[in-house]
Protein backbone atom coordinates (compact mmCIF):
# COMPACT_ATOMS: atom_id res chain seq x y z
CA MET A 1 131.45 147.72 245.23
CA THR A 2 128.40 148.97 243.40
CA ASP A 3 125.67 150.57 245.50
CA THR A 4 122.49 148.74 244.48
CA THR A 5 120.24 150.97 246.60
CA THR A 6 120.57 154.00 244.35
CA PRO A 7 117.20 154.62 242.62
CA HIS A 8 117.02 154.82 238.85
CA ARG A 9 116.76 158.32 237.37
CA GLY A 10 113.17 159.36 236.72
CA ARG A 11 111.84 156.49 238.83
CA SER A 12 110.12 156.74 242.18
CA SER A 13 107.91 154.67 244.44
CA GLY A 14 105.32 157.45 244.70
CA GLY A 15 102.80 155.94 242.28
CA LEU A 16 102.05 155.84 238.58
CA PHE A 17 102.60 159.55 237.84
CA ALA A 18 105.73 159.64 239.99
CA THR A 19 107.37 157.15 237.64
CA ILE A 20 107.19 159.65 234.77
CA ASP A 21 109.69 162.47 234.52
CA PHE A 22 107.47 165.30 233.22
CA SER A 23 110.50 167.56 232.80
CA ALA A 24 111.73 165.35 229.97
CA PRO A 25 110.89 166.76 226.52
CA ARG A 26 109.04 163.62 225.45
CA HIS A 27 106.71 163.83 228.49
CA ARG A 28 105.95 167.56 228.50
CA ALA A 29 102.88 167.13 226.29
CA LYS A 30 101.53 164.47 228.65
CA PHE A 31 101.85 166.91 231.55
CA GLY A 32 99.86 169.47 229.60
CA TYR A 33 97.12 166.95 228.88
CA LEU A 34 97.09 166.02 232.56
CA LEU A 35 96.51 169.65 233.55
CA LEU A 36 93.73 170.04 230.98
CA ALA A 37 91.95 166.83 231.98
CA PRO A 38 89.78 168.34 234.81
CA ALA A 39 88.58 171.18 232.54
CA VAL A 40 87.84 168.75 229.72
CA LEU A 41 85.85 166.49 232.04
CA LEU A 42 83.92 169.47 233.42
CA MET A 43 83.08 170.67 229.91
CA ALA A 44 81.95 167.17 228.98
CA VAL A 45 79.56 167.12 231.94
CA ILE A 46 78.06 170.62 231.62
CA ILE A 47 78.24 171.12 227.83
CA VAL A 48 78.66 167.95 225.82
CA TYR A 49 76.20 165.79 227.79
CA PRO A 50 73.30 168.31 227.59
CA ILE A 51 73.91 168.72 223.85
CA LEU A 52 73.82 164.96 223.30
CA LEU A 53 70.70 164.72 225.48
CA SER A 54 69.00 167.47 223.46
CA VAL A 55 69.82 165.70 220.20
CA SER A 56 68.42 162.47 221.64
CA ILE A 57 65.20 164.16 222.82
CA SER A 58 64.79 165.83 219.42
CA MET A 59 64.56 162.38 217.87
CA GLN A 60 61.89 161.14 220.28
CA ASP A 61 58.17 161.79 220.68
CA VAL A 62 58.50 163.35 224.13
CA ARG A 63 55.81 165.48 225.76
CA ILE A 64 57.46 166.09 229.14
CA ALA A 65 61.12 165.13 229.51
CA ARG A 66 62.02 163.35 232.74
CA ILE A 67 65.53 162.22 233.56
CA GLY A 68 65.60 158.52 234.30
CA ASP A 69 62.53 157.56 232.29
CA GLY A 70 62.87 155.00 229.56
CA ALA A 71 63.82 156.48 226.18
CA GLU A 72 61.24 156.50 223.41
CA PRO A 73 62.10 154.94 220.03
CA TRP A 74 64.02 157.29 217.78
CA THR A 75 62.09 158.91 214.95
CA LEU A 76 62.55 161.73 212.44
CA GLU A 77 59.00 163.07 212.84
CA ASN A 78 60.17 166.09 214.81
CA TYR A 79 62.57 167.10 212.05
CA GLN A 80 59.89 166.49 209.43
CA TRP A 81 57.71 168.93 211.36
CA LEU A 82 60.64 171.30 211.79
CA PHE A 83 61.42 171.71 208.08
CA GLY A 84 57.82 171.39 206.93
CA SER A 85 56.26 173.89 209.33
CA GLY A 86 55.67 177.51 208.37
CA GLU A 87 56.33 178.48 212.01
CA THR A 88 59.94 177.40 211.71
CA TRP A 89 60.64 179.34 208.53
CA HIS A 90 58.90 182.42 209.89
CA ALA A 91 60.90 182.25 213.14
CA LEU A 92 64.09 181.74 211.11
CA TRP A 93 63.32 184.83 209.03
CA VAL A 94 62.58 186.95 212.12
CA THR A 95 65.79 185.71 213.77
CA PHE A 96 67.96 186.63 210.80
CA LYS A 97 66.31 190.05 210.55
CA LEU A 98 66.99 190.62 214.24
CA VAL A 99 70.60 189.47 213.90
CA ALA A 100 71.17 191.81 210.93
CA VAL A 101 69.59 194.87 212.54
CA VAL A 102 70.71 194.42 216.15
CA GLY A 103 74.12 192.96 215.33
CA GLY A 104 74.98 195.53 212.68
CA LEU A 105 73.81 198.59 214.61
CA SER A 106 75.30 197.38 217.91
CA VAL A 107 78.74 197.01 216.34
CA ILE A 108 78.50 200.37 214.53
CA ILE A 109 77.32 202.24 217.63
CA GLY A 110 79.80 200.38 219.81
CA PHE A 111 82.67 201.24 217.44
CA ALA A 112 81.71 204.92 217.32
CA THR A 113 81.33 205.06 221.10
CA ALA A 114 84.65 203.27 221.64
CA MET A 115 86.46 205.74 219.39
CA LEU A 116 84.80 208.62 221.22
CA VAL A 117 85.76 207.52 224.74
CA ASN A 118 89.23 206.57 223.50
CA GLN A 119 89.97 210.26 222.99
CA LYS A 120 91.56 212.32 225.76
CA PHE A 121 89.09 214.77 227.30
CA ARG A 122 87.96 215.91 230.72
CA GLY A 123 85.52 213.43 232.28
CA ARG A 124 86.61 210.48 230.11
CA ALA A 125 86.44 208.04 233.05
CA ALA A 126 82.85 209.09 233.82
CA ALA A 127 81.94 208.79 230.13
CA ARG A 128 83.31 205.23 229.98
CA LEU A 129 81.32 204.33 233.09
CA PHE A 130 78.17 205.81 231.58
CA VAL A 131 78.69 203.83 228.35
CA ALA A 132 78.98 200.55 230.27
CA LEU A 133 75.99 201.26 232.51
CA PRO A 134 73.27 199.57 230.37
CA TRP A 135 75.23 196.31 230.32
CA ALA A 136 75.48 196.35 234.13
CA VAL A 137 71.69 196.52 234.61
CA PRO A 138 70.10 193.04 234.91
CA GLU A 139 68.43 192.10 231.63
CA VAL A 140 64.96 191.34 232.99
CA VAL A 141 64.90 194.46 235.18
CA ALA A 142 65.93 196.68 232.27
CA THR A 143 63.37 195.06 229.95
CA VAL A 144 60.52 195.53 232.44
CA ILE A 145 61.43 199.22 232.75
CA TRP A 146 61.44 199.59 228.97
CA ALA A 147 58.11 197.75 228.74
CA TRP A 148 56.56 200.38 230.99
CA MET A 149 58.23 203.22 229.07
CA LEU A 150 56.97 201.85 225.74
CA ASP A 151 53.38 201.37 226.91
CA SER A 152 50.93 202.86 224.38
CA SER A 153 48.65 204.36 227.05
CA PHE A 154 50.94 205.97 229.65
CA GLY A 155 54.49 205.24 228.48
CA LEU A 156 57.19 207.90 228.61
CA VAL A 157 58.36 207.24 225.04
CA ASN A 158 54.97 207.97 223.48
CA TRP A 159 54.57 211.04 225.68
CA LEU A 160 57.91 212.44 224.50
CA LEU A 161 57.16 211.67 220.85
CA MET A 162 53.77 213.40 221.04
CA ARG A 163 55.13 216.40 222.96
CA SER A 164 57.86 216.88 220.38
CA GLY A 165 55.35 216.68 217.54
CA MET A 166 57.00 213.68 215.90
CA VAL A 167 53.76 211.66 216.09
CA SER A 168 50.13 212.71 216.34
CA GLU A 169 48.90 209.64 218.22
CA PRO A 170 50.48 207.02 220.48
CA ILE A 171 52.40 204.22 218.76
CA ALA A 172 50.95 200.81 219.58
CA PHE A 173 54.20 199.01 220.42
CA GLY A 174 52.25 196.05 221.79
CA SER A 175 49.82 195.48 218.90
CA ASP A 176 51.49 196.78 215.75
CA PRO A 177 53.91 194.18 214.29
CA ASN A 178 56.38 196.68 212.83
CA ALA A 179 56.39 198.82 215.98
CA ALA A 180 56.86 195.76 218.18
CA PHE A 181 59.82 194.55 216.10
CA ALA A 182 61.36 198.04 216.21
CA ALA A 183 60.90 198.17 220.00
CA VAL A 184 62.62 194.81 220.46
CA CYS A 185 65.52 195.93 218.22
CA PHE A 186 65.89 199.19 220.13
CA VAL A 187 65.97 197.57 223.56
CA MET A 188 68.39 194.85 222.42
CA ILE A 189 70.72 197.45 220.87
CA TRP A 190 70.56 199.56 224.05
CA LYS A 191 71.37 196.51 226.12
CA GLY A 192 74.02 195.00 223.84
CA TYR A 193 76.11 197.86 222.47
CA PRO A 194 78.04 198.57 225.74
CA LEU A 195 79.77 195.18 225.63
CA MET A 196 80.69 195.78 221.99
CA SER A 197 82.02 199.20 222.93
CA ILE A 198 84.17 197.81 225.77
CA MET A 199 85.66 195.10 223.56
CA LEU A 200 86.37 197.51 220.71
CA LEU A 201 87.84 200.06 223.13
CA ALA A 202 90.30 197.41 224.31
CA GLY A 203 91.23 196.77 220.67
CA LEU A 204 91.75 200.49 219.99
CA GLN A 205 94.05 200.84 222.99
CA SER A 206 96.20 197.97 221.72
CA ILE A 207 97.09 199.83 218.50
CA PRO A 208 100.61 201.30 218.81
CA GLU A 209 100.58 205.09 218.99
CA GLU A 210 103.73 205.18 216.86
CA GLN A 211 101.72 204.15 213.80
CA TYR A 212 99.47 207.22 214.11
CA GLN A 213 102.44 209.50 214.71
CA ALA A 214 104.25 208.18 211.64
CA ALA A 215 101.09 208.63 209.54
CA LYS A 216 100.74 212.24 210.72
CA VAL A 217 104.34 212.93 209.75
CA ASP A 218 103.60 211.51 206.28
CA GLY A 219 100.63 213.88 205.98
CA ALA A 220 97.78 211.35 206.44
CA GLY A 221 94.44 212.85 207.36
CA VAL A 222 91.86 211.63 209.87
CA TRP A 223 90.03 209.36 207.42
CA GLN A 224 93.28 208.01 205.98
CA ARG A 225 94.52 207.09 209.46
CA PHE A 226 91.20 205.41 210.20
CA TRP A 227 91.12 203.49 206.91
CA TYR A 228 94.76 202.35 206.77
CA ILE A 229 95.64 202.02 210.48
CA THR A 230 92.58 201.74 212.73
CA LEU A 231 90.41 199.49 210.58
CA PRO A 232 93.06 196.87 209.62
CA ASN A 233 94.24 196.60 213.22
CA MET A 234 90.66 196.28 214.48
CA LEU A 235 89.47 193.56 212.06
CA PRO A 236 90.25 190.63 214.42
CA VAL A 237 88.48 192.36 217.31
CA VAL A 238 85.51 193.27 215.10
CA GLY A 239 85.31 189.65 213.97
CA VAL A 240 85.16 188.34 217.54
CA THR A 241 82.64 191.05 218.42
CA LEU A 242 80.40 190.08 215.50
CA VAL A 243 80.50 186.44 216.53
CA MET A 244 79.56 187.28 220.11
CA THR A 245 76.76 189.60 218.99
CA THR A 246 75.36 187.00 216.61
CA LEU A 247 75.35 184.30 219.27
CA TRP A 248 73.78 186.67 221.80
CA VAL A 249 70.93 187.72 219.48
CA PHE A 250 70.32 184.11 218.44
CA ARG A 251 69.99 182.87 222.01
CA ASP A 252 68.38 185.90 223.70
CA PHE A 253 65.01 185.09 225.17
CA ALA A 254 64.30 187.38 228.13
CA ILE A 255 64.05 190.69 226.25
CA ILE A 256 61.64 189.38 223.61
CA HIS A 257 59.55 187.36 226.08
CA VAL A 258 59.11 190.24 228.53
CA LEU A 259 58.40 192.87 225.87
CA THR A 260 56.17 191.06 223.37
CA GLN A 261 56.13 187.31 224.19
CA GLY A 262 56.80 186.71 220.50
CA GLY A 263 53.84 188.74 219.27
CA PRO A 264 51.96 190.42 217.84
CA LEU A 265 51.08 187.96 215.07
CA GLY A 266 54.49 186.31 215.45
CA ALA A 267 56.35 189.49 214.46
CA THR A 268 58.99 188.90 217.15
CA THR A 269 58.89 185.09 217.34
CA THR A 270 62.52 184.04 217.01
CA LEU A 271 63.96 180.54 217.22
CA SER A 272 64.50 180.90 220.96
CA ILE A 273 60.86 181.94 221.48
CA LEU A 274 59.69 179.07 219.28
CA THR A 275 61.77 176.65 221.35
CA TYR A 276 60.10 177.91 224.53
CA GLU A 277 56.61 177.77 223.04
CA GLN A 278 56.95 174.21 221.77
CA SER A 279 58.60 172.93 224.96
CA PHE A 280 56.81 174.72 227.79
CA GLU A 281 53.54 176.03 226.37
CA PHE A 282 52.52 173.17 224.06
CA PHE A 283 54.55 170.52 225.97
CA ARG A 284 56.15 169.15 222.82
CA MET A 285 59.66 168.65 224.17
CA GLY A 286 60.79 166.70 221.12
CA GLN A 287 59.84 169.49 218.72
CA GLY A 288 61.31 172.13 221.03
CA ALA A 289 64.58 170.20 221.19
CA ALA A 290 64.61 169.94 217.39
CA VAL A 291 64.35 173.75 217.14
CA GLY A 292 67.16 174.03 219.68
CA VAL A 293 69.39 171.70 217.68
CA LEU A 294 68.72 173.74 214.53
CA THR A 295 69.65 176.93 216.41
CA MET A 296 72.89 175.35 217.65
CA VAL A 297 73.89 174.21 214.16
CA LEU A 298 73.14 177.63 212.65
CA CYS A 299 75.15 179.39 215.36
CA ALA A 300 78.11 177.09 214.74
CA VAL A 301 77.99 177.57 210.96
CA ILE A 302 77.62 181.37 211.15
CA SER A 303 80.38 181.68 213.75
CA ARG A 304 82.75 179.58 211.67
CA ALA A 305 81.96 181.60 208.55
CA LEU A 306 82.52 184.93 210.32
CA VAL A 307 85.79 183.81 211.92
CA GLY A 308 87.05 182.37 208.63
CA ARG A 309 86.18 185.52 206.71
CA MET A 310 87.88 187.77 209.24
CA ALA A 311 90.98 185.55 209.24
CA LYS A 312 91.23 185.87 205.44
CA SER A 313 90.78 189.65 205.69
CA VAL A 314 93.62 189.91 208.20
CA HIS A 315 96.03 187.89 206.04
């Protein structure tokens, strides 16, 4: 006689998911999606929803945004102001200048520092710790310290410059536009290059030592080994580092706000500072959200362009 109590293969009375045999090849992808579902839902709540809310606010005439209030009618007036205002174009220009100077120099200094601490010498562990120290200091604390050191009346930087004879009078970092921009660049580079150095150091350590040994046997010099071995192997890491630096400079607010508050004469007013001014100083939340949306779009476009260019370079 046939035993009718034997359960069917892959079937169970444990619920909906118990009826699916995830070990079967045709169900493995479903199991992967099931595992990713909590992370996707979390990202939707903490990332996607705020972005959609910002886009919605940018298309409304909102002075003070309150969750739960009735939405205003959608309008394009905020974007008409955005692209027709000289403030926006000036902030865009300052932001791109800051990205070029801070991003470029941070990667160059980080690369040089990474190559230095990658060498074998006594005290290498202490040197690596010293390189990473600026990144470990909280951003606001470090910026306040630098603000005191850059003070035109009693700051340490001006005292050292005058004692060394490099300048004859104190530099007005707080009132001279060029000096203020240079001060912001310097502090951002000091704060940002350690992370670049750590990432690039990890990339250098992933290069097989056999490649350098084979190049030495073939008679390649230091610059030849750097150009034909180090640089090609490091292009993917440099690409990721550039993307991270660009996004960091675009979004950074604390350093500029503490040092100069966007001044003098708008010399350090970036898109992030403009967003803050419109939203929390002038209480124009709609215009501030429009600047934020523009910043997000620019970051996405620049990141995609950098990643695509680095991918083509690698292949």
